N, C-alpha and C. Protein backbone atom coordinates (compact mmCIF):
# COMPACT_ATOMS: atom_id res chain seq x y z
N MET A 1 -54.67 106.25 -75.20
CA MET A 1 -54.72 104.87 -75.64
C MET A 1 -56.15 104.38 -75.47
N ASN A 2 -56.65 103.66 -76.48
CA ASN A 2 -58.03 103.19 -76.35
C ASN A 2 -58.10 101.91 -75.51
N LEU A 3 -59.30 101.58 -75.09
CA LEU A 3 -59.52 100.47 -74.17
C LEU A 3 -59.08 99.13 -74.74
N GLU A 4 -59.45 98.86 -75.98
CA GLU A 4 -59.09 97.57 -76.59
C GLU A 4 -57.58 97.39 -76.67
N LYS A 5 -56.89 98.45 -77.03
CA LYS A 5 -55.43 98.38 -77.12
C LYS A 5 -54.80 98.13 -75.75
N SER A 6 -55.34 98.74 -74.72
CA SER A 6 -54.85 98.52 -73.35
C SER A 6 -55.03 97.06 -72.94
N HIS A 7 -56.22 96.52 -73.20
CA HIS A 7 -56.48 95.12 -72.86
C HIS A 7 -55.52 94.18 -73.59
N LYS A 8 -55.27 94.45 -74.86
CA LYS A 8 -54.36 93.61 -75.65
C LYS A 8 -52.94 93.67 -75.11
N ARG A 9 -52.47 94.87 -74.75
CA ARG A 9 -51.11 95.01 -74.24
C ARG A 9 -50.93 94.29 -72.91
N ILE A 10 -51.92 94.40 -72.04
CA ILE A 10 -51.84 93.70 -70.75
C ILE A 10 -51.88 92.19 -70.97
N ALA A 11 -52.80 91.72 -71.81
CA ALA A 11 -52.93 90.29 -72.09
C ALA A 11 -51.64 89.72 -72.69
N LYS A 12 -51.01 90.47 -73.55
CA LYS A 12 -49.75 90.02 -74.17
C LYS A 12 -48.67 89.81 -73.12
N GLN A 13 -48.57 90.74 -72.17
CA GLN A 13 -47.59 90.61 -71.10
C GLN A 13 -47.89 89.40 -70.21
N VAL A 14 -49.17 89.18 -69.92
CA VAL A 14 -49.57 88.06 -69.08
C VAL A 14 -49.25 86.72 -69.77
N ARG A 15 -49.52 86.64 -71.07
CA ARG A 15 -49.28 85.40 -71.83
C ARG A 15 -47.81 84.99 -71.83
N LYS A 16 -46.90 85.91 -71.68
CA LYS A 16 -45.47 85.60 -71.67
C LYS A 16 -45.09 84.72 -70.49
N GLY A 17 -45.89 84.77 -69.44
CA GLY A 17 -45.58 83.98 -68.25
C GLY A 17 -44.49 84.61 -67.41
N PHE A 18 -44.01 83.85 -66.44
CA PHE A 18 -42.99 84.36 -65.53
C PHE A 18 -41.64 84.41 -66.22
N GLN A 19 -41.08 85.62 -66.29
CA GLN A 19 -39.78 85.84 -66.92
C GLN A 19 -38.74 86.34 -65.93
N GLY A 20 -39.10 86.39 -64.65
CA GLY A 20 -38.21 86.91 -63.62
C GLY A 20 -38.78 88.15 -62.97
N TYR A 21 -37.98 88.74 -62.11
CA TYR A 21 -38.39 89.94 -61.39
C TYR A 21 -37.78 91.16 -62.05
N PRO A 22 -38.42 92.30 -61.91
CA PRO A 22 -39.61 92.69 -61.17
C PRO A 22 -40.89 92.08 -61.75
N LEU A 23 -41.86 91.89 -60.85
CA LEU A 23 -43.13 91.26 -61.19
C LEU A 23 -44.27 92.22 -60.87
N ILE A 24 -45.20 92.36 -61.80
CA ILE A 24 -46.43 93.11 -61.57
C ILE A 24 -47.57 92.09 -61.51
N SER A 25 -48.41 92.18 -60.48
CA SER A 25 -49.58 91.31 -60.39
C SER A 25 -50.84 92.18 -60.41
N ILE A 26 -51.84 91.71 -61.13
CA ILE A 26 -53.10 92.45 -61.29
C ILE A 26 -54.24 91.56 -60.80
N THR A 27 -55.04 92.09 -59.89
CA THR A 27 -56.18 91.34 -59.37
C THR A 27 -57.41 92.25 -59.36
N TYR A 28 -58.47 91.79 -60.02
CA TYR A 28 -59.74 92.53 -60.04
C TYR A 28 -60.65 91.99 -58.96
N HIS A 29 -61.36 92.90 -58.28
CA HIS A 29 -62.29 92.54 -57.21
C HIS A 29 -63.63 93.19 -57.50
N GLY A 30 -64.70 92.51 -57.08
CA GLY A 30 -66.02 93.08 -57.27
C GLY A 30 -67.10 92.29 -56.57
N PRO A 31 -68.32 92.82 -56.60
CA PRO A 31 -69.43 92.16 -55.93
C PRO A 31 -69.94 90.92 -56.67
N SER A 32 -69.61 90.80 -57.96
CA SER A 32 -70.04 89.62 -58.73
C SER A 32 -69.01 89.31 -59.80
N ASP A 33 -69.17 88.14 -60.45
CA ASP A 33 -68.23 87.74 -61.50
C ASP A 33 -68.28 88.67 -62.71
N SER A 34 -69.38 89.36 -62.90
CA SER A 34 -69.54 90.20 -64.09
C SER A 34 -69.23 91.68 -63.83
N LEU A 35 -68.94 92.05 -62.57
CA LEU A 35 -68.67 93.45 -62.26
C LEU A 35 -67.45 93.57 -61.35
N ALA A 36 -66.40 94.20 -61.88
CA ALA A 36 -65.20 94.47 -61.09
C ALA A 36 -65.17 95.97 -60.79
N THR A 37 -65.18 96.31 -59.51
CA THR A 37 -65.18 97.72 -59.12
C THR A 37 -63.85 98.17 -58.52
N LYS A 38 -62.93 97.23 -58.35
CA LYS A 38 -61.65 97.54 -57.73
C LYS A 38 -60.55 96.72 -58.40
N VAL A 39 -59.38 97.32 -58.57
CA VAL A 39 -58.23 96.58 -59.08
C VAL A 39 -57.06 96.87 -58.15
N VAL A 40 -56.31 95.81 -57.83
CA VAL A 40 -55.11 95.93 -57.02
C VAL A 40 -53.93 95.56 -57.91
N VAL A 41 -53.00 96.51 -58.06
CA VAL A 41 -51.80 96.28 -58.87
C VAL A 41 -50.64 96.17 -57.89
N GLY A 42 -49.99 95.01 -57.90
CA GLY A 42 -48.87 94.77 -56.98
C GLY A 42 -47.55 94.79 -57.71
N PHE A 43 -46.50 95.24 -57.03
CA PHE A 43 -45.16 95.29 -57.59
C PHE A 43 -44.22 94.58 -56.63
N THR A 44 -43.50 93.58 -57.14
CA THR A 44 -42.49 92.88 -56.36
C THR A 44 -41.16 93.02 -57.08
N ALA A 45 -40.19 93.65 -56.43
CA ALA A 45 -38.90 93.94 -57.06
C ALA A 45 -38.03 92.70 -57.22
N GLU A 46 -38.07 91.81 -56.23
CA GLU A 46 -37.24 90.61 -56.28
C GLU A 46 -37.87 89.52 -55.42
N GLU A 47 -37.39 88.31 -55.60
CA GLU A 47 -37.92 87.18 -54.85
C GLU A 47 -37.82 87.45 -53.35
N ASP A 48 -38.83 87.09 -52.61
CA ASP A 48 -38.93 87.25 -51.16
C ASP A 48 -39.01 88.71 -50.71
N ALA A 49 -39.15 89.65 -51.64
CA ALA A 49 -39.32 91.05 -51.27
C ALA A 49 -40.79 91.32 -50.97
N GLU A 50 -41.05 92.32 -50.16
CA GLU A 50 -42.43 92.68 -49.84
C GLU A 50 -43.08 93.33 -51.05
N MET A 51 -44.33 92.96 -51.30
CA MET A 51 -45.07 93.51 -52.43
C MET A 51 -45.62 94.88 -52.09
N MET A 52 -45.40 95.84 -52.99
CA MET A 52 -46.01 97.16 -52.86
C MET A 52 -47.27 97.14 -53.72
N THR A 53 -48.34 97.75 -53.24
CA THR A 53 -49.60 97.71 -53.99
C THR A 53 -50.16 99.10 -54.22
N GLU A 54 -50.91 99.20 -55.29
CA GLU A 54 -51.67 100.40 -55.64
C GLU A 54 -53.09 99.92 -55.93
N THR A 55 -54.09 100.58 -55.36
CA THR A 55 -55.48 100.18 -55.52
C THR A 55 -56.26 101.29 -56.21
N PHE A 56 -57.09 100.89 -57.16
CA PHE A 56 -57.97 101.81 -57.87
C PHE A 56 -59.39 101.30 -57.73
N SER A 57 -60.36 102.21 -57.53
CA SER A 57 -61.76 101.83 -57.37
C SER A 57 -62.66 102.74 -58.20
N THR A 58 -63.77 102.17 -58.67
CA THR A 58 -64.80 102.94 -59.36
C THR A 58 -66.16 102.37 -58.97
N GLN A 59 -67.20 103.07 -59.34
CA GLN A 59 -68.56 102.57 -59.11
C GLN A 59 -69.00 101.65 -60.25
N SER A 60 -68.43 101.86 -61.44
CA SER A 60 -68.77 101.03 -62.61
C SER A 60 -67.68 99.98 -62.80
N ASP A 61 -67.74 99.23 -63.89
CA ASP A 61 -66.77 98.18 -64.16
C ASP A 61 -65.41 98.80 -64.47
N ILE A 62 -64.46 98.57 -63.59
CA ILE A 62 -63.13 99.18 -63.72
C ILE A 62 -62.36 98.64 -64.92
N ARG A 63 -62.74 97.46 -65.39
CA ARG A 63 -62.08 96.89 -66.57
C ARG A 63 -62.42 97.67 -67.83
N GLU A 64 -63.48 98.47 -67.77
CA GLU A 64 -63.91 99.29 -68.91
C GLU A 64 -63.53 100.76 -68.74
N ASP A 65 -62.73 101.07 -67.74
CA ASP A 65 -62.29 102.44 -67.48
C ASP A 65 -60.96 102.68 -68.19
N VAL A 66 -60.98 103.51 -69.23
CA VAL A 66 -59.79 103.75 -70.05
C VAL A 66 -58.65 104.33 -69.23
N ALA A 67 -58.96 105.27 -68.35
CA ALA A 67 -57.92 105.92 -67.55
C ALA A 67 -57.19 104.91 -66.65
N VAL A 68 -57.94 104.03 -66.01
CA VAL A 68 -57.33 103.04 -65.12
C VAL A 68 -56.51 102.03 -65.91
N GLN A 69 -57.04 101.54 -67.03
CA GLN A 69 -56.32 100.56 -67.84
C GLN A 69 -55.02 101.17 -68.41
N THR A 70 -55.08 102.43 -68.82
CA THR A 70 -53.89 103.12 -69.32
C THR A 70 -52.87 103.30 -68.19
N THR A 71 -53.35 103.58 -66.99
CA THR A 71 -52.46 103.71 -65.84
C THR A 71 -51.75 102.39 -65.54
N ILE A 72 -52.46 101.28 -65.65
CA ILE A 72 -51.84 99.97 -65.43
C ILE A 72 -50.73 99.74 -66.44
N ILE A 73 -50.96 100.09 -67.70
CA ILE A 73 -49.92 99.97 -68.75
C ILE A 73 -48.71 100.82 -68.37
N LYS A 74 -48.94 102.04 -67.92
CA LYS A 74 -47.84 102.92 -67.53
C LYS A 74 -47.05 102.36 -66.36
N ILE A 75 -47.74 101.75 -65.39
CA ILE A 75 -47.06 101.13 -64.25
C ILE A 75 -46.16 100.00 -64.74
N ILE A 76 -46.68 99.17 -65.64
CA ILE A 76 -45.89 98.06 -66.19
C ILE A 76 -44.66 98.60 -66.90
N ASP A 77 -44.85 99.59 -67.76
CA ASP A 77 -43.74 100.14 -68.55
C ASP A 77 -42.70 100.82 -67.67
N ARG A 78 -43.14 101.65 -66.75
CA ARG A 78 -42.20 102.43 -65.93
C ARG A 78 -41.47 101.61 -64.88
N SER A 79 -42.06 100.50 -64.47
CA SER A 79 -41.42 99.67 -63.45
C SER A 79 -40.35 98.76 -64.05
N GLY A 80 -40.37 98.63 -65.37
CA GLY A 80 -39.41 97.72 -66.00
C GLY A 80 -39.72 96.26 -65.70
N ALA A 81 -40.99 95.96 -65.49
CA ALA A 81 -41.41 94.61 -65.12
C ALA A 81 -41.04 93.59 -66.19
N LYS A 82 -40.44 92.50 -65.75
CA LYS A 82 -40.13 91.40 -66.66
C LYS A 82 -41.30 90.43 -66.75
N SER A 83 -42.13 90.41 -65.70
CA SER A 83 -43.26 89.49 -65.64
C SER A 83 -44.52 90.22 -65.20
N VAL A 84 -45.65 89.80 -65.77
CA VAL A 84 -46.95 90.34 -65.38
C VAL A 84 -47.89 89.15 -65.17
N SER A 85 -48.53 89.10 -64.02
CA SER A 85 -49.51 88.04 -63.75
C SER A 85 -50.86 88.67 -63.48
N MET A 86 -51.91 87.95 -63.82
CA MET A 86 -53.26 88.45 -63.58
C MET A 86 -54.13 87.28 -63.16
N ASP A 87 -54.86 87.45 -62.05
CA ASP A 87 -55.80 86.43 -61.61
C ASP A 87 -56.93 86.30 -62.59
N ASP A 88 -57.40 85.09 -62.80
CA ASP A 88 -58.55 84.86 -63.67
C ASP A 88 -59.81 85.34 -62.99
N GLY A 89 -60.68 85.98 -63.75
CA GLY A 89 -61.98 86.38 -63.24
C GLY A 89 -61.91 87.51 -62.23
N VAL A 90 -63.01 87.65 -61.49
CA VAL A 90 -63.16 88.70 -60.51
C VAL A 90 -63.22 88.06 -59.13
N GLN A 91 -62.37 88.51 -58.24
CA GLN A 91 -62.33 87.98 -56.87
C GLN A 91 -63.41 88.69 -56.05
N PRO A 92 -64.05 88.00 -55.13
CA PRO A 92 -65.09 88.64 -54.30
C PRO A 92 -64.49 89.71 -53.38
N LEU A 93 -65.26 90.74 -53.13
CA LEU A 93 -64.81 91.82 -52.23
C LEU A 93 -64.77 91.36 -50.80
């Protein structure tokens, strides 16, 4: 899957808003607003359940890494997530 298609699929899921559980949350972290070197993908099965997380890191901008973006799509698809949320921008490390 190419990078642009991955970004569009993730954005489409985020735009739907909260549709119930399971919920996938995506948060990018980095040293500056223009560079994200880490992404944390969280999975919450039901309300008040503990969130399970998976973290991916790179030296370059992780938002431009095709393998990581494709993996996020696979996590969303395989988890059966009804909702996907993503923090705006890049959170400081």
